[in-house]
Each structure stands twice: as structure tokens, then as C-alpha cells.
Amino acid sequence: MKNKLRNAVLAVGIGLLSILATATPASAASQCGSSCDYQDPQTFWAITEPGGNGQGCAYDPAVYTAKSKAYNVGGYTGVLELRYSPRCRTVWTRLQSGSEWGYYNDLRIESFYTSGTQRTYDNGSAGSGNHFSNMLNDAGYLGRACIITYADEIYIGTNTYSSKICTDKF
């Protein structure tokens, strides 16, 4: 009888451990990988909470500024930030402007392989106040936030720019 009871308790314990090992709590990583590339970190529902509620990676409570750089371009000032979500494993650019930002400027988020070769990038327009770029997958890659200035409106959105200020890679 003792052995049957011990075996039953052991079986229940092993069963509970296997359930706990396969369950994914709300705070667990939901690494969205390449499905998060080029998505808005505020509105793309990469994180699903119990009950089906979703939120963007920007609202991950563990988000932080991985790298930052103050800038002053033609009198326009502010702080350029590389934001990182550990839960989504994504990066994006956030611009905190101290002044109205010029028309010929874009935010850029860049992704690099660990070898240093650029994997991809995405441009997003900036304006006044706090602004975000789209996000890129950062699992196994390096990210960098940039702000670029174009000499003329015909170059907006291209790789032809007159200045580029970037954070360090993370």
C-alpha cells in the first residue's frame, strides 16, 4: 500500500512538472522573429496575454533604451534612441526631439549580422515630439538607430542622404 501511494504521488508530481514545463506564462519570451520585421512596435500585436488580449512590443514592461545619442543637425536637437524589447527580441528607433524636426529627415533602424554585414534597414518619417521607426528582429543580430538628412525632397526614402547620425550597435 505504501508503494502504491508513493507511486501515485510520484506520478502526480511528474505530471504537474510536465505541465509546468510546457506552459508558457504571460511573462515568457514571445520572440516574434522575422514576423516582426517592418512592423510598428506600438500597434503590431506580437505579445498575446491570457484571454487573447494583445499588445505591441513597445509595451513590453522590460523595454529599455539599449543605446542613445544626442544630436544637433542644423539647429534641430534631440536624443536618438535604440529601443529593445527582450520579450519580442526586437529593436526600433525612437526620436525624442527637443525641437521641430525638419522635412528632409527620416528615422532609420538598421540590422546587421554578427559579421558586420548589413542584413536590412527600414526608414520611417520623423516629425515633432517622440517618434518611432518600425521594428526589426534582433534575435542573433545587431541593431542600430539612425537619423538621416536628405539634401532635397527627391531623395527622401532613398540611400542618397547628406548626413547620417547613428547610435552604436547593440
N, C-alpha and C. Protein backbone atom coordinates (compact mmCIF):
# COMPACT_ATOMS: atom_id res chain seq x y z
N MET A 1 0.82 -1.19 0.00
CA MET A 1 0.00 0.00 0.00
C MET A 1 0.87 1.26 0.00
N LYS A 2 1.99 1.20 0.79
CA LYS A 2 2.90 2.34 0.85
C LYS A 2 3.49 2.62 -0.54
N ASN A 3 3.88 1.56 -1.23
CA ASN A 3 4.47 1.71 -2.56
C ASN A 3 3.46 2.27 -3.56
N LYS A 4 2.19 1.82 -3.47
CA LYS A 4 1.15 2.34 -4.37
C LYS A 4 0.94 3.82 -4.13
N LEU A 5 0.88 4.24 -2.88
CA LEU A 5 0.68 5.65 -2.54
C LEU A 5 1.87 6.48 -3.01
N ARG A 6 3.09 5.98 -2.74
CA ARG A 6 4.30 6.68 -3.16
C ARG A 6 4.33 6.80 -4.68
N ASN A 7 4.00 5.75 -5.40
CA ASN A 7 3.98 5.78 -6.86
C ASN A 7 2.92 6.73 -7.40
N ALA A 8 1.76 6.77 -6.74
CA ALA A 8 0.68 7.68 -7.16
C ALA A 8 1.11 9.13 -6.97
N VAL A 9 1.70 9.45 -5.82
CA VAL A 9 2.18 10.81 -5.55
C VAL A 9 3.27 11.17 -6.54
N LEU A 10 4.17 10.27 -6.81
CA LEU A 10 5.25 10.49 -7.76
C LEU A 10 4.69 10.73 -9.16
N ALA A 11 3.71 9.96 -9.58
CA ALA A 11 3.10 10.12 -10.90
C ALA A 11 2.42 11.48 -11.02
N VAL A 12 1.70 11.89 -9.97
CA VAL A 12 1.03 13.21 -9.99
C VAL A 12 2.09 14.31 -10.06
N GLY A 13 3.15 14.17 -9.27
CA GLY A 13 4.22 15.17 -9.28
C GLY A 13 4.88 15.29 -10.64
N ILE A 14 5.17 14.18 -11.28
CA ILE A 14 5.78 14.19 -12.62
C ILE A 14 4.81 14.81 -13.63
N GLY A 15 3.54 14.49 -13.51
CA GLY A 15 2.54 15.06 -14.40
C GLY A 15 2.46 16.57 -14.27
N LEU A 16 2.48 17.07 -13.03
CA LEU A 16 2.45 18.53 -12.81
C LEU A 16 3.70 19.19 -13.35
N LEU A 17 4.84 18.57 -13.14
CA LEU A 17 6.08 19.14 -13.68
C LEU A 17 6.06 19.21 -15.20
N SER A 18 5.54 18.19 -15.85
CA SER A 18 5.50 18.22 -17.32
C SER A 18 4.54 19.29 -17.82
N ILE A 19 3.44 19.51 -17.11
CA ILE A 19 2.50 20.59 -17.49
C ILE A 19 3.18 21.94 -17.32
N LEU A 20 3.85 22.14 -16.18
CA LEU A 20 4.53 23.41 -15.94
C LEU A 20 5.65 23.65 -16.93
N ALA A 21 6.33 22.60 -17.32
CA ALA A 21 7.45 22.75 -18.25
C ALA A 21 6.98 23.15 -19.64
N THR A 22 5.77 22.76 -20.04
CA THR A 22 5.29 23.08 -21.39
C THR A 22 4.41 24.32 -21.41
N ALA A 23 3.96 24.80 -20.25
CA ALA A 23 3.12 26.00 -20.22
C ALA A 23 3.97 27.22 -20.52
N THR A 24 3.37 28.22 -21.16
CA THR A 24 4.06 29.46 -21.46
C THR A 24 3.39 30.58 -20.70
N PRO A 25 3.98 31.04 -19.61
CA PRO A 25 3.37 32.11 -18.86
C PRO A 25 3.39 33.41 -19.64
N ALA A 26 2.55 34.37 -19.23
CA ALA A 26 2.45 35.65 -19.93
C ALA A 26 3.77 36.38 -19.96
N SER A 27 4.62 36.16 -18.97
CA SER A 27 5.88 36.88 -18.93
C SER A 27 6.98 36.19 -19.72
N ALA A 28 6.71 35.04 -20.29
CA ALA A 28 7.74 34.32 -21.04
C ALA A 28 8.01 35.01 -22.37
N ALA A 29 9.18 34.75 -22.93
CA ALA A 29 9.54 35.36 -24.20
C ALA A 29 8.60 34.91 -25.29
N SER A 30 8.18 35.87 -26.12
CA SER A 30 7.31 35.55 -27.24
C SER A 30 8.03 35.92 -28.52
N GLN A 31 9.31 35.70 -28.57
CA GLN A 31 10.14 36.12 -29.68
C GLN A 31 9.40 35.98 -31.00
N CYS A 32 9.17 37.10 -31.63
CA CYS A 32 8.36 37.05 -32.85
C CYS A 32 9.20 36.90 -34.10
N GLY A 33 10.52 36.97 -33.99
CA GLY A 33 11.39 36.71 -35.13
C GLY A 33 11.10 37.58 -36.33
N SER A 34 11.26 37.01 -37.51
CA SER A 34 11.12 37.79 -38.74
C SER A 34 9.69 38.29 -38.97
N SER A 35 8.69 37.72 -38.28
CA SER A 35 7.32 38.22 -38.45
C SER A 35 7.19 39.64 -37.88
N CYS A 36 8.15 40.07 -37.04
CA CYS A 36 8.12 41.43 -36.51
C CYS A 36 8.89 42.42 -37.39
N ASP A 37 9.65 41.93 -38.36
CA ASP A 37 10.38 42.85 -39.25
C ASP A 37 9.39 43.80 -39.93
N TYR A 38 9.72 45.09 -39.90
CA TYR A 38 8.97 46.16 -40.58
C TYR A 38 7.59 46.41 -39.96
N GLN A 39 7.36 45.97 -38.73
CA GLN A 39 6.07 46.18 -38.06
C GLN A 39 6.19 47.34 -37.06
N ASP A 40 5.07 47.99 -36.79
CA ASP A 40 5.02 49.10 -35.83
C ASP A 40 5.09 48.52 -34.41
N PRO A 41 6.07 48.94 -33.60
CA PRO A 41 6.21 48.36 -32.26
C PRO A 41 5.07 48.73 -31.32
N GLN A 42 4.29 49.73 -31.68
CA GLN A 42 3.18 50.13 -30.82
C GLN A 42 1.88 49.41 -31.17
N THR A 43 1.70 49.04 -32.42
CA THR A 43 0.40 48.50 -32.82
C THR A 43 0.42 47.04 -33.28
N PHE A 44 1.58 46.51 -33.64
CA PHE A 44 1.65 45.11 -34.07
C PHE A 44 1.56 44.22 -32.84
N TRP A 45 0.51 43.42 -32.76
CA TRP A 45 0.25 42.60 -31.57
C TRP A 45 1.14 41.37 -31.56
N ALA A 46 2.37 41.56 -31.12
CA ALA A 46 3.32 40.46 -31.06
C ALA A 46 3.21 39.69 -29.75
N ILE A 47 2.63 40.33 -28.74
CA ILE A 47 2.52 39.71 -27.42
C ILE A 47 1.05 39.44 -27.15
N THR A 48 0.70 38.20 -26.92
CA THR A 48 -0.68 37.86 -26.59
C THR A 48 -0.74 37.43 -25.14
N GLU A 49 -1.56 38.11 -24.39
CA GLU A 49 -1.75 37.83 -22.97
C GLU A 49 -2.86 36.81 -22.81
N PRO A 50 -2.97 36.20 -21.62
CA PRO A 50 -4.10 35.30 -21.36
C PRO A 50 -5.42 36.02 -21.62
N GLY A 51 -6.36 35.34 -22.20
CA GLY A 51 -7.64 35.95 -22.54
C GLY A 51 -7.66 36.52 -23.95
N GLY A 52 -6.52 36.41 -24.67
CA GLY A 52 -6.49 36.85 -26.06
C GLY A 52 -6.17 38.31 -26.26
N ASN A 53 -5.94 39.07 -25.17
CA ASN A 53 -5.58 40.48 -25.33
C ASN A 53 -4.16 40.57 -25.87
N GLY A 54 -3.92 41.52 -26.75
CA GLY A 54 -2.60 41.68 -27.33
C GLY A 54 -2.04 43.05 -27.07
N GLN A 55 -0.75 43.17 -27.30
CA GLN A 55 -0.10 44.47 -27.19
C GLN A 55 1.14 44.47 -28.06
N GLY A 56 1.57 45.66 -28.40
CA GLY A 56 2.77 45.80 -29.20
C GLY A 56 4.02 45.63 -28.35
N CYS A 57 5.13 45.38 -29.01
CA CYS A 57 6.40 45.17 -28.30
C CYS A 57 6.84 46.41 -27.53
N ALA A 58 6.41 47.59 -27.97
CA ALA A 58 6.75 48.82 -27.26
C ALA A 58 6.20 48.83 -25.84
N TYR A 59 5.19 48.01 -25.58
CA TYR A 59 4.56 47.99 -24.26
C TYR A 59 5.06 46.84 -23.39
N ASP A 60 6.08 46.13 -23.87
CA ASP A 60 6.75 45.12 -23.05
C ASP A 60 7.29 45.86 -21.82
N PRO A 61 6.92 45.45 -20.60
CA PRO A 61 7.38 46.17 -19.41
C PRO A 61 8.90 46.18 -19.25
N ALA A 62 9.60 45.29 -19.94
CA ALA A 62 11.06 45.23 -19.82
C ALA A 62 11.78 46.03 -20.91
N VAL A 63 11.05 46.75 -21.77
CA VAL A 63 11.68 47.54 -22.85
C VAL A 63 12.64 48.55 -22.23
N TYR A 64 13.77 48.72 -22.90
CA TYR A 64 14.72 49.73 -22.43
C TYR A 64 15.47 50.33 -23.61
N THR A 65 16.13 51.45 -23.32
CA THR A 65 16.98 52.09 -24.32
C THR A 65 18.34 51.42 -24.26
N ALA A 66 18.68 50.67 -25.30
CA ALA A 66 19.93 49.92 -25.34
C ALA A 66 21.12 50.84 -25.66
N LYS A 67 20.89 51.81 -26.54
CA LYS A 67 21.92 52.78 -26.93
C LYS A 67 21.23 54.12 -27.19
N SER A 68 21.93 55.21 -26.96
CA SER A 68 21.37 56.53 -27.27
C SER A 68 22.47 57.47 -27.72
N LYS A 69 22.04 58.53 -28.40
CA LYS A 69 23.00 59.52 -28.89
C LYS A 69 22.28 60.86 -29.03
N ALA A 70 22.84 61.89 -28.42
CA ALA A 70 22.31 63.24 -28.60
C ALA A 70 22.72 63.74 -29.98
N TYR A 71 21.87 64.54 -30.60
CA TYR A 71 22.21 65.06 -31.92
C TYR A 71 21.87 66.54 -32.00
N ASN A 72 22.53 67.23 -32.92
CA ASN A 72 22.25 68.62 -33.27
C ASN A 72 22.58 68.74 -34.74
N VAL A 73 21.54 68.77 -35.56
CA VAL A 73 21.72 68.86 -37.01
C VAL A 73 21.01 70.12 -37.48
N GLY A 74 21.78 71.09 -37.91
CA GLY A 74 21.21 72.33 -38.42
C GLY A 74 20.30 73.03 -37.42
N GLY A 75 20.61 72.93 -36.14
CA GLY A 75 19.80 73.57 -35.11
C GLY A 75 18.69 72.69 -34.55
N TYR A 76 18.44 71.56 -35.19
CA TYR A 76 17.45 70.61 -34.67
C TYR A 76 18.15 69.70 -33.66
N THR A 77 17.60 69.62 -32.45
CA THR A 77 18.26 68.87 -31.39
C THR A 77 17.34 67.81 -30.81
N GLY A 78 17.95 66.82 -30.17
CA GLY A 78 17.17 65.79 -29.51
C GLY A 78 18.04 64.61 -29.13
N VAL A 79 17.39 63.50 -28.81
CA VAL A 79 18.09 62.27 -28.44
C VAL A 79 17.57 61.14 -29.32
N LEU A 80 18.50 60.46 -29.94
CA LEU A 80 18.22 59.30 -30.78
C LEU A 80 18.41 58.07 -29.91
N GLU A 81 17.41 57.18 -29.88
CA GLU A 81 17.47 56.00 -29.02
C GLU A 81 17.26 54.72 -29.82
N LEU A 82 18.02 53.70 -29.45
CA LEU A 82 17.79 52.35 -29.95
C LEU A 82 17.03 51.63 -28.84
N ARG A 83 15.75 51.34 -29.08
CA ARG A 83 14.90 50.69 -28.09
C ARG A 83 14.94 49.19 -28.31
N TYR A 84 14.87 48.43 -27.20
CA TYR A 84 14.95 46.97 -27.27
C TYR A 84 13.88 46.33 -26.41
N SER A 85 13.18 45.35 -26.98
CA SER A 85 12.20 44.56 -26.24
C SER A 85 12.78 43.17 -26.03
N PRO A 86 13.13 42.82 -24.78
CA PRO A 86 13.65 41.47 -24.53
C PRO A 86 12.61 40.39 -24.80
N ARG A 87 11.37 40.70 -24.58
CA ARG A 87 10.30 39.72 -24.77
C ARG A 87 10.09 39.40 -26.24
N CYS A 88 10.08 40.42 -27.08
CA CYS A 88 9.90 40.23 -28.52
C CYS A 88 11.23 39.98 -29.23
N ARG A 89 12.32 40.38 -28.61
CA ARG A 89 13.66 40.35 -29.20
C ARG A 89 13.68 41.16 -30.49
N THR A 90 13.22 42.42 -30.34
CA THR A 90 13.17 43.35 -31.46
C THR A 90 13.81 44.68 -31.06
N VAL A 91 14.21 45.45 -32.07
CA VAL A 91 14.75 46.80 -31.86
C VAL A 91 14.02 47.77 -32.76
N TRP A 92 13.99 49.03 -32.34
CA TRP A 92 13.44 50.10 -33.16
C TRP A 92 14.08 51.41 -32.73
N THR A 93 13.92 52.42 -33.57
CA THR A 93 14.46 53.74 -33.31
C THR A 93 13.38 54.60 -32.67
N ARG A 94 13.76 55.33 -31.63
CA ARG A 94 12.85 56.33 -31.06
C ARG A 94 13.61 57.65 -31.05
N LEU A 95 12.93 58.67 -31.48
CA LEU A 95 13.50 60.01 -31.52
C LEU A 95 12.77 60.86 -30.51
N GLN A 96 13.51 61.44 -29.60
CA GLN A 96 12.93 62.41 -28.67
C GLN A 96 13.49 63.77 -29.06
N SER A 97 12.65 64.56 -29.76
CA SER A 97 13.12 65.84 -30.29
C SER A 97 12.98 66.93 -29.25
N GLY A 98 14.00 67.76 -29.23
CA GLY A 98 13.94 68.96 -28.42
C GLY A 98 13.35 70.11 -29.21
N SER A 99 13.24 69.93 -30.52
CA SER A 99 12.71 70.98 -31.39
C SER A 99 11.99 70.32 -32.57
N GLU A 100 11.24 71.12 -33.30
CA GLU A 100 10.55 70.62 -34.50
C GLU A 100 11.59 70.02 -35.43
N TRP A 101 11.27 68.89 -36.01
CA TRP A 101 12.23 68.21 -36.87
C TRP A 101 11.98 68.58 -38.32
N GLY A 102 13.03 68.68 -39.10
CA GLY A 102 12.95 69.12 -40.49
C GLY A 102 12.24 68.14 -41.41
N TYR A 103 11.76 68.67 -42.52
CA TYR A 103 11.00 67.91 -43.51
C TYR A 103 11.86 66.87 -44.21
N TYR A 104 13.14 67.15 -44.38
CA TYR A 104 14.01 66.27 -45.15
C TYR A 104 14.75 65.26 -44.27
N ASN A 105 14.10 64.76 -43.25
CA ASN A 105 14.73 63.83 -42.31
C ASN A 105 13.91 62.56 -42.17
N ASP A 106 14.58 61.47 -41.90
CA ASP A 106 13.94 60.18 -41.66
C ASP A 106 14.61 59.49 -40.48
N LEU A 107 13.83 58.70 -39.78
CA LEU A 107 14.38 57.76 -38.81
C LEU A 107 14.76 56.52 -39.59
N ARG A 108 15.76 55.82 -39.12
CA ARG A 108 16.15 54.57 -39.75
C ARG A 108 16.52 53.57 -38.66
N ILE A 109 16.07 52.35 -38.83
CA ILE A 109 16.50 51.25 -37.98
C ILE A 109 17.29 50.30 -38.88
N GLU A 110 18.46 49.89 -38.42
CA GLU A 110 19.32 49.03 -39.22
C GLU A 110 19.60 47.73 -38.46
N SER A 111 19.72 46.64 -39.20
CA SER A 111 20.01 45.33 -38.62
C SER A 111 21.23 44.76 -39.32
N PHE A 112 22.15 44.20 -38.51
CA PHE A 112 23.40 43.65 -39.02
C PHE A 112 23.57 42.21 -38.56
N TYR A 113 24.20 41.42 -39.40
CA TYR A 113 24.65 40.10 -38.98
C TYR A 113 25.82 40.31 -38.02
N THR A 114 26.14 39.34 -37.21
CA THR A 114 27.25 39.49 -36.26
C THR A 114 28.59 39.67 -36.98
N SER A 115 28.66 39.31 -38.25
CA SER A 115 29.87 39.52 -39.06
C SER A 115 30.07 41.00 -39.39
N GLY A 116 29.02 41.81 -39.21
CA GLY A 116 29.09 43.24 -39.53
C GLY A 116 28.38 43.61 -40.82
N THR A 117 28.03 42.63 -41.64
CA THR A 117 27.31 42.88 -42.89
C THR A 117 25.88 43.31 -42.57
N GLN A 118 25.40 44.32 -43.29
CA GLN A 118 24.03 44.78 -43.05
C GLN A 118 23.03 43.75 -43.54
N ARG A 119 22.07 43.41 -42.69
CA ARG A 119 21.01 42.45 -43.03
C ARG A 119 19.85 43.18 -43.72
N THR A 120 19.39 44.27 -43.12
CA THR A 120 18.28 45.05 -43.68
C THR A 120 18.19 46.38 -42.95
N TYR A 121 17.34 47.25 -43.45
CA TYR A 121 17.05 48.51 -42.76
C TYR A 121 15.64 48.93 -43.12
N ASP A 122 15.14 49.89 -42.37
CA ASP A 122 13.82 50.44 -42.67
C ASP A 122 13.82 51.91 -42.30
N ASN A 123 13.31 52.74 -43.19
CA ASN A 123 13.18 54.17 -42.93
C ASN A 123 11.76 54.48 -42.47
N GLY A 124 11.65 55.45 -41.58
CA GLY A 124 10.34 55.92 -41.13
C GLY A 124 10.40 57.41 -40.89
N SER A 125 9.41 58.16 -41.36
CA SER A 125 9.42 59.61 -41.26
C SER A 125 9.35 60.09 -39.82
N ALA A 126 10.04 61.18 -39.55
CA ALA A 126 10.05 61.81 -38.23
C ALA A 126 9.30 63.13 -38.30
N GLY A 127 8.80 63.57 -37.16
CA GLY A 127 8.14 64.87 -37.02
C GLY A 127 8.47 65.41 -35.65
N SER A 128 7.63 66.23 -35.04
CA SER A 128 7.96 66.79 -33.73
C SER A 128 7.52 65.84 -32.61
N GLY A 129 8.15 65.96 -31.44
CA GLY A 129 7.80 65.13 -30.29
C GLY A 129 8.53 63.80 -30.31
N ASN A 130 7.94 62.77 -29.70
CA ASN A 130 8.54 61.43 -29.70
C ASN A 130 8.07 60.66 -30.92
N HIS A 131 9.00 60.01 -31.60
CA HIS A 131 8.66 59.28 -32.82
C HIS A 131 9.37 57.94 -32.84
N PHE A 132 8.76 56.98 -33.51
CA PHE A 132 9.27 55.62 -33.58
C PHE A 132 9.43 55.20 -35.03
N SER A 133 10.40 54.34 -35.26
CA SER A 133 10.50 53.66 -36.55
C SER A 133 9.75 52.34 -36.43
N ASN A 134 9.67 51.61 -37.51
CA ASN A 134 9.21 50.23 -37.42
C ASN A 134 10.29 49.44 -36.68
N MET A 135 9.97 48.21 -36.31
CA MET A 135 10.94 47.39 -35.59
C MET A 135 11.51 46.31 -36.50
N LEU A 136 12.64 45.78 -36.06
CA LEU A 136 13.30 44.68 -36.76
C LEU A 136 13.66 43.59 -35.75
N ASN A 137 13.63 42.36 -36.22
CA ASN A 137 14.04 41.22 -35.43
C ASN A 137 15.49 41.41 -34.97
N ASP A 138 15.75 41.15 -33.69
CA ASP A 138 17.10 41.32 -33.16
C ASP A 138 17.67 40.01 -32.60
N ALA A 139 16.96 38.91 -32.77
CA ALA A 139 17.43 37.62 -32.23
C ALA A 139 18.63 37.14 -33.05
N GLY A 140 19.82 37.26 -32.47
CA GLY A 140 21.02 36.83 -33.16
C GLY A 140 21.62 37.88 -34.09
N TYR A 141 21.09 39.09 -34.06
CA TYR A 141 21.57 40.17 -34.92
C TYR A 141 22.01 41.36 -34.06
N LEU A 142 22.56 42.37 -34.70
CA LEU A 142 22.91 43.63 -34.06
C LEU A 142 22.04 44.73 -34.66
N GLY A 143 21.55 45.63 -33.82
CA GLY A 143 20.71 46.72 -34.30
C GLY A 143 21.39 48.06 -34.08
N ARG A 144 20.96 49.05 -34.88
CA ARG A 144 21.48 50.40 -34.75
C ARG A 144 20.38 51.39 -35.15
N ALA A 145 20.23 52.45 -34.36
CA ALA A 145 19.26 53.51 -34.65
C ALA A 145 19.96 54.67 -35.33
N CYS A 146 19.33 55.23 -36.36
CA CYS A 146 19.93 56.34 -37.10
C CYS A 146 18.88 57.40 -37.41
N ILE A 147 19.37 58.59 -37.66
CA ILE A 147 18.56 59.66 -38.23
C ILE A 147 19.32 60.16 -39.44
N ILE A 148 18.63 60.26 -40.56
CA ILE A 148 19.29 60.68 -41.79
C ILE A 148 18.65 61.96 -42.31
N THR A 149 19.46 62.77 -42.98
CA THR A 149 19.01 64.03 -43.56
C THR A 149 19.25 63.98 -45.05
N TYR A 150 18.23 64.33 -45.82
CA TYR A 150 18.33 64.36 -47.28
C TYR A 150 18.60 65.79 -47.74
N ALA A 151 19.37 65.92 -48.80
CA ALA A 151 19.68 67.24 -49.36
C ALA A 151 18.46 67.86 -50.03
N ASP A 152 17.56 67.01 -50.52
CA ASP A 152 16.40 67.52 -51.26
C ASP A 152 15.28 66.49 -51.15
N GLU A 153 14.05 66.93 -51.31
CA GLU A 153 12.91 66.02 -51.15
C GLU A 153 12.89 64.88 -52.17
N ILE A 154 13.54 65.04 -53.30
CA ILE A 154 13.54 63.96 -54.30
C ILE A 154 14.29 62.73 -53.80
N TYR A 155 15.12 62.90 -52.75
CA TYR A 155 15.90 61.78 -52.22
C TYR A 155 15.25 61.09 -51.03
N ILE A 156 14.14 61.62 -50.53
CA ILE A 156 13.50 61.06 -49.33
C ILE A 156 13.17 59.58 -49.56
N GLY A 157 13.57 58.75 -48.60
CA GLY A 157 13.32 57.32 -48.68
C GLY A 157 14.35 56.54 -49.45
N THR A 158 15.39 57.21 -49.94
CA THR A 158 16.43 56.53 -50.71
C THR A 158 17.69 56.37 -49.84
N ASN A 159 18.72 55.83 -50.41
CA ASN A 159 20.01 55.73 -49.74
C ASN A 159 20.92 56.90 -50.08
N THR A 160 20.37 57.95 -50.70
CA THR A 160 21.13 59.15 -51.04
C THR A 160 20.79 60.22 -50.02
N TYR A 161 21.67 60.41 -49.06
CA TYR A 161 21.42 61.37 -47.99
C TYR A 161 22.66 62.21 -47.75
N SER A 162 22.46 63.37 -47.11
CA SER A 162 23.59 64.28 -46.88
C SER A 162 24.23 64.06 -45.52
N SER A 163 23.50 63.54 -44.55
CA SER A 163 24.11 63.22 -43.26
C SER A 163 23.38 62.06 -42.61
N LYS A 164 24.12 61.37 -41.76
CA LYS A 164 23.57 60.22 -41.07
C LYS A 164 24.22 60.15 -39.69
N ILE A 165 23.38 60.16 -38.65
CA ILE A 165 23.85 60.07 -37.28
C ILE A 165 23.26 58.79 -36.70
N CYS A 166 24.11 57.95 -36.09
CA CYS A 166 23.66 56.66 -35.58
C CYS A 166 24.15 56.40 -34.16
N THR A 167 23.42 55.58 -33.46
CA THR A 167 23.89 55.07 -32.18
C THR A 167 24.94 53.99 -32.46
N ASP A 168 25.59 53.53 -31.43
CA ASP A 168 26.43 52.34 -31.57
C ASP A 168 25.52 51.15 -31.78
N LYS A 169 26.08 50.06 -32.28
CA LYS A 169 25.31 48.82 -32.47
C LYS A 169 25.09 48.14 -31.12
N PHE A 170 23.98 47.42 -31.06
CA PHE A 170 23.65 46.63 -29.87
C PHE A 170 23.18 45.28 -30.32
